[in-house]
Amino acid sequence: MNKIKLHNVTGIHASSHGVEVNHGKQYLSQLDKMAMIVILNEEEINNRDTIIKLKSTQIDVLLIPTKFKYTLFETELGKYIETHLSKNHHITYF
């Protein structure tokens, strides 16, 4: 699981083709907004430990392999994501 923390983010636009991150000019200002991008591989999507690791993580964009596009929400991880993550979360396939 790769976690990418981005500081001073003004907006994120995720699509099935990629992620566009906009950020301010000043780094770590008082109004600093942090965003988290998490990249999962095939093993992690099928691993129960991944759920435990994600429970305390605020994710703004979650990236998963394309082959799981139609099966993610049938997995244990997918069901967890569907019921516990906030409205601001995006799932992007690559």
PDB file of N, CA and C in Angstrom:
ATOM      1  N   MET A   1       0.852  -1.174   0.000  1.00  0.00           N
ATOM      2  CA  MET A   1       0.000   0.000   0.000  1.00  0.00           C
ATOM      3  C   MET A   1       0.897   1.236   0.000  1.00  0.00           C
ATOM      4  N   ASN A   2       0.724   2.059  -0.986  1.00  0.00           N
ATOM      5  CA  ASN A   2       1.466   3.318  -1.043  1.00  0.00           C
ATOM      6  C   ASN A   2       0.538   4.454  -0.663  1.00  0.00           C
ATOM      7  N   LYS A   3       0.952   5.233   0.323  1.00  0.00           N
ATOM      8  CA  LYS A   3       0.178   6.405   0.740  1.00  0.00           C
ATOM      9  C   LYS A   3       0.946   7.643   0.333  1.00  0.00           C
ATOM     10  N   ILE A   4       0.296   8.523  -0.394  1.00  0.00           N
ATOM     11  CA  ILE A   4       0.910   9.770  -0.831  1.00  0.00           C
ATOM     12  C   ILE A   4       0.197  10.912  -0.131  1.00  0.00           C
ATOM     13  N   LYS A   5       0.931  11.649   0.687  1.00  0.00           N
ATOM     14  CA  LYS A   5       0.357  12.793   1.390  1.00  0.00           C
ATOM     15  C   LYS A   5       0.710  14.059   0.623  1.00  0.00           C
ATOM     16  N   LEU A   6      -0.302  14.856   0.339  1.00  0.00           N
ATOM     17  CA  LEU A   6      -0.100  16.096  -0.413  1.00  0.00           C
ATOM     18  C   LEU A   6      -0.527  17.273   0.454  1.00  0.00           C
ATOM     19  N   HIS A   7       0.335  18.262   0.544  1.00  0.00           N
ATOM     20  CA  HIS A   7       0.031  19.438   1.353  1.00  0.00           C
ATOM     21  C   HIS A   7      -0.431  20.602   0.476  1.00  0.00           C
ATOM     22  N   ASN A   8      -1.155  21.511   1.103  1.00  0.00           N
ATOM     23  CA  ASN A   8      -1.615  22.737   0.472  1.00  0.00           C
ATOM     24  C   ASN A   8      -2.428  22.458  -0.787  1.00  0.00           C
ATOM     25  N   VAL A   9      -3.349  21.510  -0.681  1.00  0.00           N
ATOM     26  CA  VAL A   9      -4.175  21.110  -1.812  1.00  0.00           C
ATOM     27  C   VAL A   9      -5.416  21.982  -1.889  1.00  0.00           C
ATOM     28  N   THR A  10      -5.667  22.534  -3.068  1.00  0.00           N
ATOM     29  CA  THR A  10      -6.865  23.353  -3.253  1.00  0.00           C
ATOM     30  C   THR A  10      -7.984  22.572  -3.933  1.00  0.00           C
ATOM     31  N   GLY A  11      -7.640  21.458  -4.558  1.00  0.00           N
ATOM     32  CA  GLY A  11      -8.675  20.645  -5.195  1.00  0.00           C
ATOM     33  C   GLY A  11      -8.105  19.407  -5.842  1.00  0.00           C
ATOM     34  N   ILE A  12      -8.920  18.360  -5.903  1.00  0.00           N
ATOM     35  CA  ILE A  12      -8.530  17.113  -6.561  1.00  0.00           C
ATOM     36  C   ILE A  12      -9.652  16.698  -7.500  1.00  0.00           C
ATOM     37  N   HIS A  13      -9.266  16.349  -8.714  1.00  0.00           N
ATOM     38  CA  HIS A  13     -10.234  15.865  -9.695  1.00  0.00           C
ATOM     39  C   HIS A  13      -9.777  14.483 -10.141  1.00  0.00           C
ATOM     40  N   ALA A  14     -10.529  13.463  -9.772  1.00  0.00           N
ATOM     41  CA  ALA A  14     -10.162  12.085 -10.123  1.00  0.00           C
ATOM     42  C   ALA A  14     -11.100  11.557 -11.199  1.00  0.00           C
ATOM     43  N   SER A  15     -10.533  10.837 -12.139  1.00  0.00           N
ATOM     44  CA  SER A  15     -11.329  10.182 -13.176  1.00  0.00           C
ATOM     45  C   SER A  15     -10.749   8.800 -13.414  1.00  0.00           C
ATOM     46  N   SER A  16     -11.355   8.058 -14.304  1.00  0.00           N
ATOM     47  CA  SER A  16     -10.849   6.716 -14.575  1.00  0.00           C
ATOM     48  C   SER A  16      -9.540   6.750 -15.355  1.00  0.00           C
ATOM     49  N   HIS A  17      -9.126   7.930 -15.760  1.00  0.00           N
ATOM     50  CA  HIS A  17      -7.885   8.036 -16.536  1.00  0.00           C
ATOM     51  C   HIS A  17      -6.735   8.600 -15.726  1.00  0.00           C
ATOM     52  N   GLY A  18      -7.003   9.150 -14.576  1.00  0.00           N
ATOM     53  CA  GLY A  18      -5.924   9.700 -13.770  1.00  0.00           C
ATOM     54  C   GLY A  18      -6.429  10.667 -12.713  1.00  0.00           C
ATOM     55  N   VAL A  19      -5.498  11.334 -12.085  1.00  0.00           N
ATOM     56  CA  VAL A  19      -5.821  12.248 -10.998  1.00  0.00           C
ATOM     57  C   VAL A  19      -5.136  13.587 -11.254  1.00  0.00           C
ATOM     58  N   GLU A  20      -5.898  14.646 -11.121  1.00  0.00           N
ATOM     59  CA  GLU A  20      -5.342  15.996 -11.247  1.00  0.00           C
ATOM     60  C   GLU A  20      -5.423  16.652  -9.872  1.00  0.00           C
ATOM     61  N   VAL A  21      -4.284  17.092  -9.368  1.00  0.00           N
ATOM     62  CA  VAL A  21      -4.228  17.704  -8.041  1.00  0.00           C
ATOM     63  C   VAL A  21      -3.822  19.166  -8.200  1.00  0.00           C
ATOM     64  N   ASN A  22      -4.632  20.048  -7.643  1.00  0.00           N
ATOM     65  CA  ASN A  22      -4.300  21.474  -7.658  1.00  0.00           C
ATOM     66  C   ASN A  22      -3.800  21.870  -6.279  1.00  0.00           C
ATOM     67  N   HIS A  23      -2.761  22.695  -6.252  1.00  0.00           N
ATOM     68  CA  HIS A  23      -2.223  23.110  -4.951  1.00  0.00           C
ATOM     69  C   HIS A  23      -1.862  24.584  -4.983  1.00  0.00           C
ATOM     70  N   GLY A  24      -1.824  25.179  -3.796  1.00  0.00           N
ATOM     71  CA  GLY A  24      -1.499  26.591  -3.672  1.00  0.00           C
ATOM     72  C   GLY A  24      -0.010  26.838  -3.837  1.00  0.00           C
ATOM     73  N   LYS A  25       0.361  28.103  -3.911  1.00  0.00           N
ATOM     74  CA  LYS A  25       1.765  28.448  -4.122  1.00  0.00           C
ATOM     75  C   LYS A  25       2.580  28.364  -2.848  1.00  0.00           C
ATOM     76  N   GLN A  26       1.966  28.624  -1.714  1.00  0.00           N
ATOM     77  CA  GLN A  26       2.706  28.593  -0.456  1.00  0.00           C
ATOM     78  C   GLN A  26       2.620  27.202   0.147  1.00  0.00           C
ATOM     79  N   TYR A  27       3.744  26.662   0.511  1.00  0.00           N
ATOM     80  CA  TYR A  27       3.798  25.317   1.079  1.00  0.00           C
ATOM     81  C   TYR A  27       3.672  25.381   2.596  1.00  0.00           C
ATOM     82  N   LEU A  28       2.805  24.541   3.156  1.00  0.00           N
ATOM     83  CA  LEU A  28       2.573  24.463   4.600  1.00  0.00           C
ATOM     84  C   LEU A  28       2.194  25.802   5.234  1.00  0.00           C
ATOM     85  N   SER A  29       1.286  26.487   4.605  1.00  0.00           N
ATOM     86  CA  SER A  29       0.800  27.738   5.177  1.00  0.00           C
ATOM     87  C   SER A  29      -0.144  27.425   6.339  1.00  0.00           C
ATOM     88  N   GLN A  30      -0.626  28.463   7.005  1.00  0.00           N
ATOM     89  CA  GLN A  30      -1.554  28.263   8.122  1.00  0.00           C
ATOM     90  C   GLN A  30      -2.855  27.618   7.658  1.00  0.00           C
ATOM     91  N   LEU A  31      -3.208  27.863   6.419  1.00  0.00           N
ATOM     92  CA  LEU A  31      -4.447  27.309   5.867  1.00  0.00           C
ATOM     93  C   LEU A  31      -4.173  26.024   5.086  1.00  0.00           C
ATOM     94  N   ASP A  32      -3.088  25.364   5.425  1.00  0.00           N
ATOM     95  CA  ASP A  32      -2.663  24.168   4.711  1.00  0.00           C
ATOM     96  C   ASP A  32      -3.737  23.084   4.743  1.00  0.00           C
ATOM     97  N   LYS A  33      -4.099  22.593   3.570  1.00  0.00           N
ATOM     98  CA  LYS A  33      -5.057  21.494   3.475  1.00  0.00           C
ATOM     99  C   LYS A  33      -4.302  20.281   2.953  1.00  0.00           C
ATOM    100  N   MET A  34      -4.431  19.181   3.683  1.00  0.00           N
ATOM    101  CA  MET A  34      -3.718  17.983   3.288  1.00  0.00           C
ATOM    102  C   MET A  34      -4.659  16.995   2.622  1.00  0.00           C
ATOM    103  N   ALA A  35      -4.169  16.299   1.609  1.00  0.00           N
ATOM    104  CA  ALA A  35      -4.947  15.269   0.929  1.00  0.00           C
ATOM    105  C   ALA A  35      -4.138  13.981   0.917  1.00  0.00           C
ATOM    106  N   MET A  36      -4.845  12.868   0.915  1.00  0.00           N
ATOM    107  CA  MET A  36      -4.187  11.563   0.921  1.00  0.00           C
ATOM    108  C   MET A  36      -4.637  10.757  -0.288  1.00  0.00           C
ATOM    109  N   ILE A  37      -3.654  10.245  -1.023  1.00  0.00           N
ATOM    110  CA  ILE A  37      -3.917   9.342  -2.132  1.00  0.00           C
ATOM    111  C   ILE A  37      -3.357   7.984  -1.733  1.00  0.00           C
ATOM    112  N   VAL A  38      -4.169   6.937  -1.864  1.00  0.00           N
ATOM    113  CA  VAL A  38      -3.734   5.584  -1.511  1.00  0.00           C
ATOM    114  C   VAL A  38      -3.785   4.715  -2.765  1.00  0.00           C
ATOM    115  N   ILE A  39      -2.688   4.018  -3.020  1.00  0.00           N
ATOM    116  CA  ILE A  39      -2.596   3.124  -4.172  1.00  0.00           C
ATOM    117  C   ILE A  39      -2.525   1.695  -3.657  1.00  0.00           C
ATOM    118  N   LEU A  40      -3.473   0.875  -4.099  1.00  0.00           N
ATOM    119  CA  LEU A  40      -3.521  -0.529  -3.678  1.00  0.00           C
ATOM    120  C   LEU A  40      -3.143  -1.444  -4.835  1.00  0.00           C
ATOM    121  N   ASN A  41      -2.423  -2.511  -4.519  1.00  0.00           N
ATOM    122  CA  ASN A  41      -2.148  -3.511  -5.545  1.00  0.00           C
ATOM    123  C   ASN A  41      -3.120  -4.684  -5.373  1.00  0.00           C
ATOM    124  N   GLU A  42      -2.976  -5.668  -6.233  1.00  0.00           N
ATOM    125  CA  GLU A  42      -3.922  -6.788  -6.237  1.00  0.00           C
ATOM    126  C   GLU A  42      -3.943  -7.552  -4.922  1.00  0.00           C
ATOM    127  N   GLU A  43      -2.787  -7.814  -4.344  1.00  0.00           N
ATOM    128  CA  GLU A  43      -2.720  -8.555  -3.085  1.00  0.00           C
ATOM    129  C   GLU A  43      -3.420  -7.810  -1.958  1.00  0.00           C
ATOM    130  N   GLU A  44      -3.260  -6.493  -1.921  1.00  0.00           N
ATOM    131  CA  GLU A  44      -3.845  -5.698  -0.838  1.00  0.00           C
ATOM    132  C   GLU A  44      -5.362  -5.652  -0.925  1.00  0.00           C
ATOM    133  N   ILE A  45      -5.898  -5.672  -2.117  1.00  0.00           N
ATOM    134  CA  ILE A  45      -7.356  -5.627  -2.273  1.00  0.00           C
ATOM    135  C   ILE A  45      -7.992  -6.886  -1.703  1.00  0.00           C
ATOM    136  N   ASN A  46      -7.270  -7.995  -1.760  1.00  0.00           N
ATOM    137  CA  ASN A  46      -7.801  -9.261  -1.239  1.00  0.00           C
ATOM    138  C   ASN A  46      -7.291  -9.588   0.157  1.00  0.00           C
ATOM    139  N   ASN A  47      -6.663  -8.643   0.830  1.00  0.00           N
ATOM    140  CA  ASN A  47      -6.054  -8.888   2.132  1.00  0.00           C
ATOM    141  C   ASN A  47      -6.847  -8.192   3.244  1.00  0.00           C
ATOM    142  N   ARG A  48      -7.256  -8.957   4.239  1.00  0.00           N
ATOM    143  CA  ARG A  48      -8.032  -8.401   5.355  1.00  0.00           C
ATOM    144  C   ARG A  48      -7.255  -7.326   6.121  1.00  0.00           C
ATOM    145  N   ASP A  49      -5.928  -7.449   6.186  1.00  0.00           N
ATOM    146  CA  ASP A  49      -5.109  -6.461   6.891  1.00  0.00           C
ATOM    147  C   ASP A  49      -5.209  -5.072   6.265  1.00  0.00           C
ATOM    148  N   THR A  50      -5.505  -5.028   4.986  1.00  0.00           N
ATOM    149  CA  THR A  50      -5.652  -3.735   4.313  1.00  0.00           C
ATOM    150  C   THR A  50      -6.800  -2.945   4.926  1.00  0.00           C
ATOM    151  N   ILE A  51      -7.872  -3.615   5.253  1.00  0.00           N
ATOM    152  CA  ILE A  51      -9.030  -2.954   5.870  1.00  0.00           C
ATOM    153  C   ILE A  51      -8.622  -2.314   7.185  1.00  0.00           C
ATOM    154  N   ILE A  52      -7.872  -3.055   7.991  1.00  0.00           N
ATOM    155  CA  ILE A  52      -7.429  -2.539   9.289  1.00  0.00           C
ATOM    156  C   ILE A  52      -6.566  -1.294   9.097  1.00  0.00           C
ATOM    157  N   LYS A  53      -5.686  -1.319   8.111  1.00  0.00           N
ATOM    158  CA  LYS A  53      -4.803  -0.181   7.865  1.00  0.00           C
ATOM    159  C   LYS A  53      -5.571   1.043   7.369  1.00  0.00           C
ATOM    160  N   LEU A  54      -6.645   0.823   6.645  1.00  0.00           N
ATOM    161  CA  LEU A  54      -7.401   1.938   6.080  1.00  0.00           C
ATOM    162  C   LEU A  54      -8.390   2.562   7.052  1.00  0.00           C
ATOM    163  N   LYS A  55      -8.716   1.862   8.132  1.00  0.00           N
ATOM    164  CA  LYS A  55      -9.753   2.347   9.051  1.00  0.00           C
ATOM    165  C   LYS A  55      -9.429   3.707   9.658  1.00  0.00           C
ATOM    166  N   SER A  56      -8.167   3.992   9.873  1.00  0.00           N
ATOM    167  CA  SER A  56      -7.804   5.275  10.488  1.00  0.00           C
ATOM    168  C   SER A  56      -7.278   6.274   9.461  1.00  0.00           C
ATOM    169  N   THR A  57      -7.483   5.982   8.194  1.00  0.00           N
ATOM    170  CA  THR A  57      -6.941   6.845   7.139  1.00  0.00           C
ATOM    171  C   THR A  57      -8.045   7.623   6.439  1.00  0.00           C
ATOM    172  N   GLN A  58      -7.873   8.925   6.354  1.00  0.00           N
ATOM    173  CA  GLN A  58      -8.792   9.750   5.562  1.00  0.00           C
ATOM    174  C   GLN A  58      -8.270   9.745   4.129  1.00  0.00           C
ATOM    175  N   ILE A  59      -9.014   9.125   3.228  1.00  0.00           N
ATOM    176  CA  ILE A  59      -8.567   8.989   1.844  1.00  0.00           C
ATOM    177  C   ILE A  59      -9.372   9.924   0.955  1.00  0.00           C
ATOM    178  N   ASP A  60      -8.655  10.702   0.166  1.00  0.00           N
ATOM    179  CA  ASP A  60      -9.329  11.579  -0.797  1.00  0.00           C
ATOM    180  C   ASP A  60      -9.440  10.904  -2.160  1.00  0.00           C
ATOM    181  N   VAL A  61      -8.403  10.159  -2.535  1.00  0.00           N
ATOM    182  CA  VAL A  61      -8.441   9.415  -3.791  1.00  0.00           C
ATOM    183  C   VAL A  61      -7.859   8.033  -3.543  1.00  0.00           C
ATOM    184  N   LEU A  62      -8.587   7.008  -3.920  1.00  0.00           N
ATOM    185  CA  LEU A  62      -8.120   5.633  -3.801  1.00  0.00           C
ATOM    186  C   LEU A  62      -7.908   5.090  -5.202  1.00  0.00           C
ATOM    187  N   LEU A  63      -6.688   4.619  -5.486  1.00  0.00           N
ATOM    188  CA  LEU A  63      -6.362   4.078  -6.801  1.00  0.00           C
ATOM    189  C   LEU A  63      -6.286   2.559  -6.721  1.00  0.00           C
ATOM    190  N   ILE A  64      -6.970   1.875  -7.610  1.00  0.00           N
ATOM    191  CA  ILE A  64      -6.905   0.421  -7.657  1.00  0.00           C
ATOM    192  C   ILE A  64      -6.741  -0.025  -9.109  1.00  0.00           C
ATOM    193  N   PRO A  65      -6.204  -1.227  -9.336  1.00  0.00           N
ATOM    194  CA  PRO A  65      -6.008  -1.717 -10.707  1.00  0.00           C
ATOM    195  C   PRO A  65      -7.328  -1.874 -11.464  1.00  0.00           C
ATOM    196  N   THR A  66      -7.262  -1.659 -12.766  1.00  0.00           N
ATOM    197  CA  THR A  66      -8.443  -1.714 -13.621  1.00  0.00           C
ATOM    198  C   THR A  66      -9.174  -3.052 -13.528  1.00  0.00           C
ATOM    199  N   LYS A  67      -8.444  -4.148 -13.377  1.00  0.00           N
ATOM    200  CA  LYS A  67      -9.085  -5.465 -13.376  1.00  0.00           C
ATOM    201  C   LYS A  67     -10.084  -5.627 -12.247  1.00  0.00           C
ATOM    202  N   PHE A  68     -10.019  -4.737 -11.218  1.00  0.00           N
ATOM    203  CA  PHE A  68     -10.961  -4.818 -10.099  1.00  0.00           C
ATOM    204  C   PHE A  68     -12.111  -3.824 -10.249  1.00  0.00           C
ATOM    205  N   LYS A  69     -12.202  -3.195 -11.387  1.00  0.00           N
ATOM    206  CA  LYS A  69     -13.230  -2.173 -11.601  1.00  0.00           C
ATOM    207  C   LYS A  69     -14.630  -2.698 -11.294  1.00  0.00           C
ATOM    208  N   TYR A  70     -14.919  -3.910 -11.700  1.00  0.00           N
ATOM    209  CA  TYR A  70     -16.273  -4.435 -11.538  1.00  0.00           C
ATOM    210  C   TYR A  70     -16.409  -5.395 -10.360  1.00  0.00           C
ATOM    211  N   THR A  71     -15.297  -5.725  -9.698  1.00  0.00           N
ATOM    212  CA  THR A  71     -15.372  -6.707  -8.619  1.00  0.00           C
ATOM    213  C   THR A  71     -15.000  -6.152  -7.251  1.00  0.00           C
ATOM    214  N   LEU A  72     -14.499  -4.921  -7.175  1.00  0.00           N
ATOM    215  CA  LEU A  72     -14.032  -4.378  -5.903  1.00  0.00           C
ATOM    216  C   LEU A  72     -15.110  -4.445  -4.822  1.00  0.00           C
ATOM    217  N   PHE A  73     -16.328  -4.034  -5.132  1.00  0.00           N
ATOM    218  CA  PHE A  73     -17.364  -3.963  -4.115  1.00  0.00           C
ATOM    219  C   PHE A  73     -17.943  -5.328  -3.756  1.00  0.00           C
ATOM    220  N   GLU A  74     -17.460  -6.377  -4.396  1.00  0.00           N
ATOM    221  CA  GLU A  74     -17.828  -7.737  -3.994  1.00  0.00           C
ATOM    222  C   GLU A  74     -16.821  -8.290  -2.993  1.00  0.00           C
ATOM    223  N   THR A  75     -15.666  -7.624  -2.862  1.00  0.00           N
ATOM    224  CA  THR A  75     -14.648  -8.075  -1.910  1.00  0.00           C
ATOM    225  C   THR A  75     -14.949  -7.498  -0.532  1.00  0.00           C
ATOM    226  N   GLU A  76     -14.302  -8.073   0.473  1.00  0.00           N
ATOM    227  CA  GLU A  76     -14.475  -7.582   1.844  1.00  0.00           C
ATOM    228  C   GLU A  76     -14.032  -6.126   1.942  1.00  0.00           C
ATOM    229  N   LEU A  77     -12.922  -5.796   1.281  1.00  0.00           N
ATOM    230  CA  LEU A  77     -12.425  -4.423   1.288  1.00  0.00           C
ATOM    231  C   LEU A  77     -13.434  -3.485   0.625  1.00  0.00           C
ATOM    232  N   GLY A  78     -13.986  -3.921  -0.486  1.00  0.00           N
ATOM    233  CA  GLY A  78     -14.960  -3.094  -1.195  1.00  0.00           C
ATOM    234  C   GLY A  78     -16.201  -2.810  -0.360  1.00  0.00           C
ATOM    235  N   LYS A  79     -16.667  -3.807   0.352  1.00  0.00           N
ATOM    236  CA  LYS A  79     -17.846  -3.617   1.215  1.00  0.00           C
ATOM    237  C   LYS A  79     -17.532  -2.650   2.356  1.00  0.00           C
ATOM    238  N   TYR A  80     -16.306  -2.739   2.882  1.00  0.00           N
ATOM    239  CA  TYR A  80     -15.897  -1.814   3.939  1.00  0.00           C
ATOM    240  C   TYR A  80     -15.860  -0.385   3.405  1.00  0.00           C
ATOM    241  N   ILE A  81     -15.249  -0.209   2.259  1.00  0.00           N
ATOM    242  CA  ILE A  81     -15.136   1.127   1.664  1.00  0.00           C
ATOM    243  C   ILE A  81     -16.523   1.713   1.428  1.00  0.00           C
ATOM    244  N   GLU A  82     -17.405   0.898   0.891  1.00  0.00           N
ATOM    245  CA  GLU A  82     -18.758   1.348   0.556  1.00  0.00           C
ATOM    246  C   GLU A  82     -19.519   1.833   1.785  1.00  0.00           C
ATOM    247  N   THR A  83     -19.277   1.228   2.947  1.00  0.00           N
ATOM    248  CA  THR A  83     -20.049   1.579   4.134  1.00  0.00           C
ATOM    249  C   THR A  83     -19.360   2.548   5.088  1.00  0.00           C
ATOM    250  N   HIS A  84     -18.031   2.698   5.001  1.00  0.00           N
ATOM    251  CA  HIS A  84     -17.325   3.494   5.995  1.00  0.00           C
ATOM    252  C   HIS A  84     -16.650   4.764   5.494  1.00  0.00           C
ATOM    253  N   LEU A  85     -16.341   4.848   4.225  1.00  0.00           N
ATOM    254  CA  LEU A  85     -15.626   6.031   3.761  1.00  0.00           C
ATOM    255  C   LEU A  85     -16.596   7.172   3.475  1.00  0.00           C
ATOM    256  N   SER A  86     -16.095   8.386   3.623  1.00  0.00           N
ATOM    257  CA  SER A  86     -16.970   9.555   3.502  1.00  0.00           C
ATOM    258  C   SER A  86     -17.292   9.881   2.048  1.00  0.00           C
ATOM    259  N   LYS A  87     -18.164  10.845   1.868  1.00  0.00           N
ATOM    260  CA  LYS A  87     -18.611  11.254   0.538  1.00  0.00           C
ATOM    261  C   LYS A  87     -17.478  11.830  -0.309  1.00  0.00           C
ATOM    262  N   ASN A  88     -16.436  12.312   0.337  1.00  0.00           N
ATOM    263  CA  ASN A  88     -15.350  12.969  -0.391  1.00  0.00           C
ATOM    264  C   ASN A  88     -14.375  11.993  -1.026  1.00  0.00           C
ATOM    265  N   HIS A  89     -14.590  10.722  -0.857  1.00  0.00           N
ATOM    266  CA  HIS A  89     -13.657   9.735  -1.383  1.00  0.00           C
ATOM    267  C   HIS A  89     -13.977   9.412  -2.831  1.00  0.00           C
ATOM    268  N   HIS A  90     -12.911   9.213  -3.594  1.00  0.00           N
ATOM    269  CA  HIS A  90     -13.041   8.842  -4.996  1.00  0.00           C
ATOM    270  C   HIS A  90     -12.295   7.543  -5.216  1.00  0.00           C
ATOM    271  N   ILE A  91     -12.783   6.700  -6.093  1.00  0.00           N
ATOM    272  CA  ILE A  91     -12.057   5.503  -6.489  1.00  0.00           C
ATOM    273  C   ILE A  91     -11.701   5.663  -7.958  1.00  0.00           C
ATOM    274  N   THR A  92     -10.414   5.625  -8.245  1.00  0.00           N
ATOM    275  CA  THR A  92      -9.935   5.798  -9.610  1.00  0.00           C
ATOM    276  C   THR A  92      -9.202   4.531 -10.018  1.00  0.00           C
ATOM    277  N   TYR A  93      -9.439   4.111 -11.270  1.00  0.00           N
ATOM    278  CA  TYR A  93      -8.813   2.887 -11.756  1.00  0.00           C
ATOM    279  C   TYR A  93      -7.680   3.251 -12.702  1.00  0.00           C
ATOM    280  N   PHE A  94      -6.627   2.424 -12.681  1.00  0.00           N
ATOM    281  CA  PHE A  94      -5.506   2.695 -13.606  1.00  0.00           C
ATOM    282  C   PHE A  94      -5.010   1.382 -14.183  1.00  0.00           C
TER     283      PHE A  94
END
